Amino acid sequence: MTARLLIVGTGLIGTSIGLALGTPRDVLLHDADDEHLAEAVDRGAGRRWDGAERVGHVVLAVPPRVIHVVLGRLQAGRVAQTYSHVASAQAAVHAQVETAHCDLVPFCGSHPMAGREQSGPGAATAALFSGRPWVLCPSGSTSRAALTTTRQLAVDCGGEPVELSAADHDAAVALVSHLPQVASSAVAAALLAARHTSGGLDPVRLAGPGLQDTTRVAGSDPALWVDVLRQNAGAVAPLVRALAGELDAAATALEGLTVDDPTAAEVLTDLLRRGRDGRSRVPVKRGEHDSAFARLAVAVPDRPGQLAAVLVSAAEAGINVEDVRVEHLAGRPRGVIELLVHASTRPQARSALAAAGWDVLA
């Protein structure tokens, strides 16, 4: 055994694991797509596996439908002591592995709750898992060694291990990951029906941060997501149907507004209120929720270096910026940089940035 880890699959997740570990000499990489493999190696995620070198642990970052095939092949070659996978559906993968008569003892399911709308090794980043939950889904047969190794991998990548059963995991990700993907894609697909105004303007040109945020994950790879949704379809379908019911009720209420139906506004108010309350539950950072943070907008000239300069001013004032978003104003030589800061520090941040000469918006 000459390497600690073999990553099979050098897409977004596999390459990001290699980059997060930061020890390319101790990490081996393998992928059926040689271009992906070459790019991951060039980026420093690890070195090529020769097909024979043995390792301590294997991470299967391959499509869920082939995990059992790849695992069986590797176990037959006695490549590693323990194995894990990072699929976003757990129960179906476990059933396939069991049916394929793979050895379940050295095998642990896991799923880092992190990703991007881009795919492939070029989109990978060492910080992808930082502060994000990394779900561990051991089966009843999983050895302590396999679970411990998988847990340590999550920690070494910057993730925060959370142990769940496969069924609980699948129900949770159906709600917080798979449903949003379907909803985002549906909204984005509606844009294809946009008709130009009488003056020839494409209405999509008027889009702002709201549409950008709502449709961000719609840019994901369709083939990848069909595979993901197939593995967890039973949990996702009722959520999509329930969402469709909410939208249908909203449509009826909107029609009611046109004829002064007195209950229509109540229905819409209830939906919007529940939506606001639900949004407040979404964690922003390490379990802290949206209500703990505030946004601060700074108008800047649309030229290079402005974002870096604003962040430097915030750092010099001792302000910790949790997130940042840049909005370019169509047809105008200015943009808006929106900073996410702790609500308690917003007044200080506003004063400090204004004192530094920045145009802080109300």
Protein backbone atom coordinates (compact mmCIF):
# COMPACT_ATOMS: atom_id res chain seq x y z
CA MET A 1 0.00 0.00 0.00
CA THR A 2 1.69 3.20 -1.20
CA ALA A 3 -1.16 5.75 -1.20
CA ARG A 4 -3.81 6.70 1.29
CA LEU A 5 -6.68 7.23 -1.12
CA LEU A 6 -7.95 6.37 -4.60
CA ILE A 7 -10.65 8.57 -6.08
CA VAL A 8 -12.56 6.89 -8.89
CA GLY A 9 -14.34 9.59 -10.89
CA THR A 10 -12.80 13.01 -11.48
CA GLY A 11 -15.87 15.15 -11.95
CA LEU A 12 -16.80 18.07 -9.71
CA ILE A 13 -16.96 16.08 -6.45
CA GLY A 14 -14.08 13.67 -7.02
CA THR A 15 -11.67 16.39 -8.14
CA SER A 16 -12.79 18.70 -5.31
CA ILE A 17 -12.00 15.95 -2.78
CA GLY A 18 -8.49 15.65 -4.18
CA LEU A 19 -7.99 19.41 -4.11
CA ALA A 20 -9.41 19.70 -0.57
CA LEU A 21 -6.97 17.09 0.76
CA GLY A 22 -4.07 19.03 -0.71
CA THR A 23 -1.75 16.01 -0.78
CA PRO A 24 -1.52 14.97 -4.45
CA ARG A 25 1.32 12.48 -3.85
CA ASP A 26 -0.90 10.58 -1.43
CA VAL A 27 -4.01 10.60 -3.65
CA LEU A 28 -4.54 8.47 -6.75
CA LEU A 29 -7.07 9.32 -9.45
CA HIS A 30 -8.87 7.18 -12.00
CA ASP A 31 -11.55 7.97 -14.56
CA ALA A 32 -12.86 6.32 -17.71
CA ASP A 33 -12.83 9.80 -19.27
CA ASP A 34 -9.14 10.44 -19.91
CA GLU A 35 -9.68 14.16 -20.57
CA HIS A 36 -11.32 14.58 -17.17
CA LEU A 37 -8.53 12.59 -15.55
CA ALA A 38 -5.80 14.63 -17.23
CA GLU A 39 -7.41 17.90 -16.17
CA ALA A 40 -7.79 16.74 -12.55
CA VAL A 41 -4.14 15.67 -12.45
CA ASP A 42 -3.05 18.99 -13.99
CA ARG A 43 -5.01 20.84 -11.32
CA GLY A 44 -3.14 19.00 -8.58
CA ALA A 45 -5.97 16.82 -7.29
CA GLY A 46 -3.73 13.73 -7.30
CA ARG A 47 -1.71 11.42 -9.55
CA ARG A 48 -2.83 8.79 -12.02
CA TRP A 49 -3.58 5.31 -10.73
CA ASP A 50 -1.78 2.57 -12.62
CA GLY A 51 -4.56 0.07 -12.04
CA ALA A 52 -2.52 -2.07 -9.67
CA GLU A 53 -1.33 0.12 -6.79
CA ARG A 54 -3.16 -0.63 -3.56
CA VAL A 55 -4.55 2.01 -1.25
CA GLY A 56 -6.06 2.43 2.18
CA HIS A 57 -9.43 3.74 1.02
CA VAL A 58 -11.37 4.18 -2.23
CA VAL A 59 -13.95 6.92 -2.84
CA LEU A 60 -16.39 6.11 -5.64
CA ALA A 61 -17.38 9.44 -7.22
CA VAL A 62 -19.06 7.80 -10.20
CA PRO A 63 -22.72 7.87 -11.34
CA PRO A 64 -24.96 6.05 -8.83
CA ARG A 65 -26.12 3.48 -11.40
CA VAL A 66 -22.60 2.04 -11.80
CA ILE A 67 -21.34 2.13 -8.21
CA HIS A 68 -22.06 -1.56 -7.64
CA VAL A 69 -20.21 -2.51 -10.84
CA VAL A 70 -17.10 -0.47 -10.02
CA LEU A 71 -17.11 -1.58 -6.38
CA GLY A 72 -17.33 -5.25 -7.33
CA ARG A 73 -14.42 -4.90 -9.73
CA LEU A 74 -12.22 -3.11 -7.17
CA GLN A 75 -13.06 -5.54 -4.39
CA ALA A 76 -12.24 -8.47 -6.66
CA GLY A 77 -8.81 -6.94 -7.17
CA ARG A 78 -8.40 -6.27 -3.44
CA VAL A 79 -7.45 -2.69 -4.21
CA ALA A 80 -8.30 -1.20 -0.81
CA GLN A 81 -9.08 -1.93 2.81
CA THR A 82 -12.23 0.24 2.90
CA TYR A 83 -14.57 1.88 0.39
CA SER A 84 -17.14 4.66 0.30
CA HIS A 85 -19.27 6.48 -2.28
CA VAL A 86 -20.60 10.02 -2.53
CA ALA A 87 -23.90 9.50 -4.35
CA SER A 88 -26.85 11.77 -3.61
CA ALA A 89 -29.17 8.77 -3.24
CA GLN A 90 -28.32 6.10 -0.70
CA ALA A 91 -31.03 3.43 -0.43
CA ALA A 92 -31.04 2.52 -4.12
CA VAL A 93 -27.25 2.34 -4.26
CA HIS A 94 -27.15 0.12 -1.17
CA ALA A 95 -29.76 -2.21 -2.68
CA GLN A 96 -27.79 -2.49 -5.93
CA VAL A 97 -24.54 -3.19 -4.06
CA GLU A 98 -26.24 -5.86 -1.96
CA THR A 99 -27.86 -7.50 -5.01
CA ALA A 100 -24.49 -7.55 -6.78
CA HIS A 101 -23.08 -9.54 -3.81
CA CYS A 102 -20.37 -7.01 -3.05
CA ASP A 103 -18.73 -7.14 0.38
CA LEU A 104 -20.73 -4.73 2.54
CA VAL A 105 -18.42 -4.87 5.56
CA PRO A 106 -15.68 -2.50 4.30
CA PHE A 107 -18.21 -0.27 2.50
CA CYS A 108 -19.87 2.95 3.74
CA GLY A 109 -22.28 5.22 1.94
CA SER A 110 -21.79 8.97 2.22
CA HIS A 111 -22.91 12.17 0.58
CA PRO A 112 -21.26 15.59 0.91
CA MET A 113 -24.03 18.20 0.82
CA ALA A 114 -22.17 20.50 -1.52
CA GLY A 115 -22.17 21.13 -5.22
CA ARG A 116 -22.37 23.66 -8.00
CA GLU A 117 -24.42 24.09 -11.15
CA GLN A 118 -21.26 23.49 -13.16
CA SER A 119 -19.83 20.01 -13.56
CA GLY A 120 -16.48 18.46 -14.39
CA PRO A 121 -12.98 18.90 -12.95
CA GLY A 122 -12.75 22.47 -14.19
CA ALA A 123 -15.49 23.51 -11.76
CA ALA A 124 -13.86 21.79 -8.77
CA THR A 125 -12.62 23.78 -5.80
CA ALA A 126 -10.75 22.91 -2.61
CA ALA A 127 -13.29 24.89 -0.57
CA LEU A 128 -16.38 23.09 -1.90
CA PHE A 129 -17.01 21.12 1.32
CA SER A 130 -15.88 23.71 3.85
CA GLY A 131 -18.43 23.95 6.64
CA ARG A 132 -20.95 21.83 4.72
CA PRO A 133 -22.71 18.75 6.13
CA TRP A 134 -21.26 15.45 4.91
CA VAL A 135 -23.83 12.71 5.52
CA LEU A 136 -22.58 9.25 6.52
CA CYS A 137 -24.94 6.35 5.77
CA PRO A 138 -23.44 3.11 7.09
CA SER A 139 -25.45 -0.05 6.59
CA GLY A 140 -26.00 -2.63 9.28
CA SER A 141 -22.97 -4.48 7.90
CA THR A 142 -20.55 -1.53 7.68
CA SER A 143 -17.45 -2.06 9.80
CA ARG A 144 -16.24 0.48 12.33
CA ALA A 145 -13.07 0.89 10.26
CA ALA A 146 -15.03 1.82 7.11
CA LEU A 147 -17.24 4.28 9.01
CA THR A 148 -14.28 5.85 10.83
CA THR A 149 -12.27 6.24 7.64
CA THR A 150 -15.20 7.80 5.79
CA ARG A 151 -15.84 10.16 8.69
CA GLN A 152 -12.19 11.22 8.75
CA LEU A 153 -12.27 11.84 5.00
CA ALA A 154 -15.19 14.21 5.49
CA VAL A 155 -13.35 16.07 8.25
CA ASP A 156 -10.12 16.27 6.24
CA CYS A 157 -12.05 17.85 3.36
CA GLY A 158 -13.51 20.49 5.68
CA GLY A 159 -16.95 18.92 5.95
CA GLU A 160 -19.07 18.33 9.05
CA PRO A 161 -20.07 14.65 9.39
CA VAL A 162 -23.71 13.83 10.09
CA GLU A 163 -24.82 10.20 10.45
CA LEU A 164 -28.23 9.17 9.04
CA SER A 165 -29.95 6.05 7.82
CA ALA A 166 -30.20 5.69 4.05
CA ALA A 167 -33.98 6.21 4.18
CA ASP A 168 -33.72 9.37 6.28
CA HIS A 169 -31.01 10.74 4.02
CA ASP A 170 -33.03 10.16 0.86
CA ALA A 171 -36.14 11.80 2.33
CA ALA A 172 -34.09 14.80 3.46
CA VAL A 173 -32.26 15.40 0.17
CA ALA A 174 -35.49 14.97 -1.77
CA LEU A 175 -36.75 18.05 0.07
CA VAL A 176 -33.64 20.23 0.27
CA SER A 177 -31.85 19.32 -2.97
CA HIS A 178 -33.88 17.33 -5.49
CA LEU A 179 -37.14 19.31 -5.24
CA PRO A 180 -35.31 22.66 -5.66
CA GLN A 181 -33.60 21.31 -8.78
CA VAL A 182 -36.92 20.34 -10.37
CA ALA A 183 -38.54 23.63 -9.35
CA SER A 184 -35.62 25.72 -10.62
CA SER A 185 -35.62 23.87 -13.94
CA ALA A 186 -39.36 24.40 -14.33
CA VAL A 187 -39.05 28.15 -13.77
CA ALA A 188 -36.11 28.41 -16.16
CA ALA A 189 -37.93 26.34 -18.79
CA ALA A 190 -40.79 28.85 -18.67
CA LEU A 191 -38.37 31.50 -19.94
CA LEU A 192 -38.27 29.73 -23.30
CA ALA A 193 -41.85 30.88 -23.89
CA ALA A 194 -40.93 34.56 -23.41
CA ARG A 195 -42.20 36.78 -26.19
CA HIS A 196 -40.58 40.03 -27.22
CA THR A 197 -42.38 43.24 -26.33
CA SER A 198 -44.04 45.37 -28.98
CA GLY A 199 -40.81 47.34 -29.09
CA GLY A 200 -38.74 44.22 -29.74
CA LEU A 201 -37.28 43.83 -26.21
CA ASP A 202 -36.65 40.33 -24.88
CA PRO A 203 -38.23 40.48 -21.40
CA VAL A 204 -35.52 38.18 -20.01
CA ARG A 205 -33.12 41.11 -20.39
CA LEU A 206 -34.93 42.75 -17.48
CA ALA A 207 -34.05 39.88 -15.12
CA GLY A 208 -32.46 40.71 -11.80
CA PRO A 209 -31.11 38.83 -8.78
CA GLY A 210 -34.45 37.20 -8.01
CA LEU A 211 -34.56 35.28 -11.28
CA GLN A 212 -30.81 34.62 -11.16
CA ASP A 213 -31.08 33.07 -7.68
CA THR A 214 -34.19 31.06 -8.51
CA THR A 215 -32.77 29.54 -11.69
CA ARG A 216 -29.10 29.12 -10.71
CA VAL A 217 -29.17 25.34 -10.32
CA ALA A 218 -31.15 24.97 -13.54
CA GLY A 219 -27.79 25.29 -15.27
CA SER A 220 -26.83 21.81 -14.04
CA ASP A 221 -26.12 18.83 -16.31
CA PRO A 222 -29.48 17.24 -17.32
CA ALA A 223 -28.01 13.76 -17.81
CA LEU A 224 -26.46 13.80 -14.35
CA TRP A 225 -29.70 14.93 -12.75
CA VAL A 226 -31.87 12.36 -14.53
CA ASP A 227 -29.59 9.71 -13.01
CA VAL A 228 -29.87 11.30 -9.56
CA LEU A 229 -33.65 11.66 -9.74
CA ARG A 230 -34.07 8.10 -10.99
CA GLN A 231 -32.35 6.84 -7.84
CA ASN A 232 -34.63 8.84 -5.53
CA ALA A 233 -37.79 9.21 -7.61
CA GLY A 234 -40.08 7.67 -5.00
CA ALA A 235 -39.19 10.36 -2.44
CA VAL A 236 -39.16 13.27 -4.89
CA ALA A 237 -42.44 12.62 -6.75
CA PRO A 238 -44.85 13.42 -3.87
CA LEU A 239 -42.94 16.62 -3.09
CA VAL A 240 -43.19 17.77 -6.70
CA ARG A 241 -46.91 16.95 -6.70
CA ALA A 242 -47.41 18.90 -3.46
CA LEU A 243 -45.55 21.88 -4.95
CA ALA A 244 -47.74 21.66 -8.03
CA GLY A 245 -50.76 21.82 -5.71
CA GLU A 246 -49.41 24.97 -4.06
CA LEU A 247 -48.86 26.58 -7.46
CA ASP A 248 -52.27 25.56 -8.71
CA ALA A 249 -53.89 27.14 -5.64
CA ALA A 250 -51.83 30.27 -6.24
CA ALA A 251 -52.96 30.40 -9.88
CA THR A 252 -56.59 30.12 -8.81
CA ALA A 253 -56.08 32.90 -6.27
CA LEU A 254 -54.45 35.13 -8.89
CA GLU A 255 -57.43 34.61 -11.17
CA GLY A 256 -59.61 35.49 -8.19
CA LEU A 257 -57.83 38.83 -7.80
CA THR A 258 -58.98 39.83 -11.29
CA VAL A 259 -62.63 39.45 -10.26
CA ASP A 260 -62.25 40.83 -6.72
CA ASP A 261 -62.64 37.47 -4.98
CA PRO A 262 -62.31 38.43 -1.27
CA THR A 263 -60.49 35.20 -0.38
CA ALA A 264 -57.88 35.42 -3.13
CA ALA A 265 -55.58 37.83 -1.33
CA GLU A 266 -55.79 35.71 1.83
CA VAL A 267 -54.66 32.60 -0.06
CA LEU A 268 -51.70 34.41 -1.59
CA THR A 269 -50.79 36.08 1.69
CA ASP A 270 -50.78 32.69 3.41
CA LEU A 271 -48.47 31.20 0.76
CA LEU A 272 -46.08 34.15 0.84
CA ARG A 273 -46.02 34.18 4.63
CA ARG A 274 -45.29 30.46 4.82
CA GLY A 275 -42.62 30.91 2.17
CA ARG A 276 -40.96 33.67 4.18
CA ASP A 277 -41.08 31.55 7.33
CA GLY A 278 -39.65 28.56 5.50
CA ARG A 279 -36.85 30.66 4.05
CA SER A 280 -35.87 31.78 7.54
CA ARG A 281 -35.10 28.15 8.43
CA VAL A 282 -32.47 27.74 5.71
CA PRO A 283 -28.96 27.56 7.23
CA VAL A 284 -26.49 30.11 5.92
CA LYS A 285 -23.38 29.06 7.80
CA ARG A 286 -22.67 26.21 10.21
CA GLY A 287 -26.25 25.90 11.39
CA GLU A 288 -26.88 29.66 11.64
CA HIS A 289 -30.04 30.72 9.87
CA ASP A 290 -30.87 33.48 7.43
CA SER A 291 -32.35 35.67 10.16
CA ALA A 292 -28.91 35.95 11.80
CA PHE A 293 -27.50 37.77 8.76
CA ALA A 294 -28.09 41.03 6.95
CA ARG A 295 -27.30 42.30 3.48
CA LEU A 296 -25.42 45.47 2.70
CA ALA A 297 -25.35 46.90 -0.83
CA VAL A 298 -22.52 49.02 -2.20
CA ALA A 299 -22.73 50.77 -5.58
CA VAL A 300 -19.46 50.75 -7.53
CA PRO A 301 -18.18 51.74 -10.97
CA ASP A 302 -18.29 48.77 -13.35
CA ARG A 303 -14.53 48.38 -13.76
CA PRO A 304 -11.86 45.89 -12.66
CA GLY A 305 -10.73 45.77 -9.02
CA GLN A 306 -13.85 47.15 -7.35
CA LEU A 307 -14.91 43.92 -5.67
CA ALA A 308 -11.44 43.34 -4.24
CA ALA A 309 -11.26 46.92 -3.01
CA VAL A 310 -14.62 46.70 -1.21
CA LEU A 311 -13.59 43.45 0.48
CA VAL A 312 -10.28 45.01 1.56
CA SER A 313 -12.14 47.94 3.12
CA ALA A 314 -14.42 45.52 4.98
CA ALA A 315 -11.45 43.48 6.21
CA GLU A 316 -9.62 46.59 7.41
CA ALA A 317 -12.71 47.49 9.43
CA GLY A 318 -12.77 44.02 11.00
CA ILE A 319 -15.98 43.02 9.19
CA ASN A 320 -16.35 39.32 8.35
CA VAL A 321 -18.09 38.99 4.99
CA GLU A 322 -19.99 35.69 4.87
CA ASP A 323 -21.00 35.84 1.21
CA VAL A 324 -20.95 38.23 -1.72
CA ARG A 325 -22.97 38.77 -4.88
CA VAL A 326 -22.30 41.14 -7.75
CA GLU A 327 -25.15 42.58 -9.82
CA HIS A 328 -24.37 44.41 -13.05
CA LEU A 329 -26.92 47.06 -13.95
CA ALA A 330 -27.94 46.60 -17.59
CA GLY A 331 -26.99 49.57 -19.74
CA ARG A 332 -25.39 51.46 -16.86
CA PRO A 333 -21.71 51.99 -15.99
CA ARG A 334 -22.29 50.94 -12.38
CA GLY A 335 -22.86 47.72 -10.52
CA VAL A 336 -23.96 46.70 -7.03
CA ILE A 337 -21.91 44.54 -4.70
CA GLU A 338 -24.11 42.91 -2.07
CA LEU A 339 -22.33 41.74 1.08
CA LEU A 340 -23.78 39.27 3.58
CA VAL A 341 -22.70 40.07 7.15
CA HIS A 342 -23.87 39.21 10.63
CA ALA A 343 -26.89 41.37 11.47
CA SER A 344 -25.15 42.67 14.60
CA THR A 345 -22.26 44.05 12.53
CA ARG A 346 -24.29 45.69 9.78
CA PRO A 347 -24.33 49.21 11.33
CA GLN A 348 -20.56 49.04 11.88
CA ALA A 349 -20.00 47.73 8.35
CA ARG A 350 -22.18 50.44 6.84
CA SER A 351 -20.37 53.23 8.68
CA ALA A 352 -16.92 51.82 7.93
CA LEU A 353 -17.55 51.43 4.20
CA ALA A 354 -19.11 54.88 3.94
CA ALA A 355 -16.12 56.35 5.77
CA ALA A 356 -13.84 54.61 3.29
CA GLY A 357 -15.56 56.49 0.47
CA TRP A 358 -17.88 53.81 -0.84
CA ASP A 359 -21.43 54.59 -1.99
CA VAL A 360 -23.37 52.48 0.52
CA LEU A 361 -27.01 52.05 -0.43
CA ALA A 362 -29.78 52.15 2.15
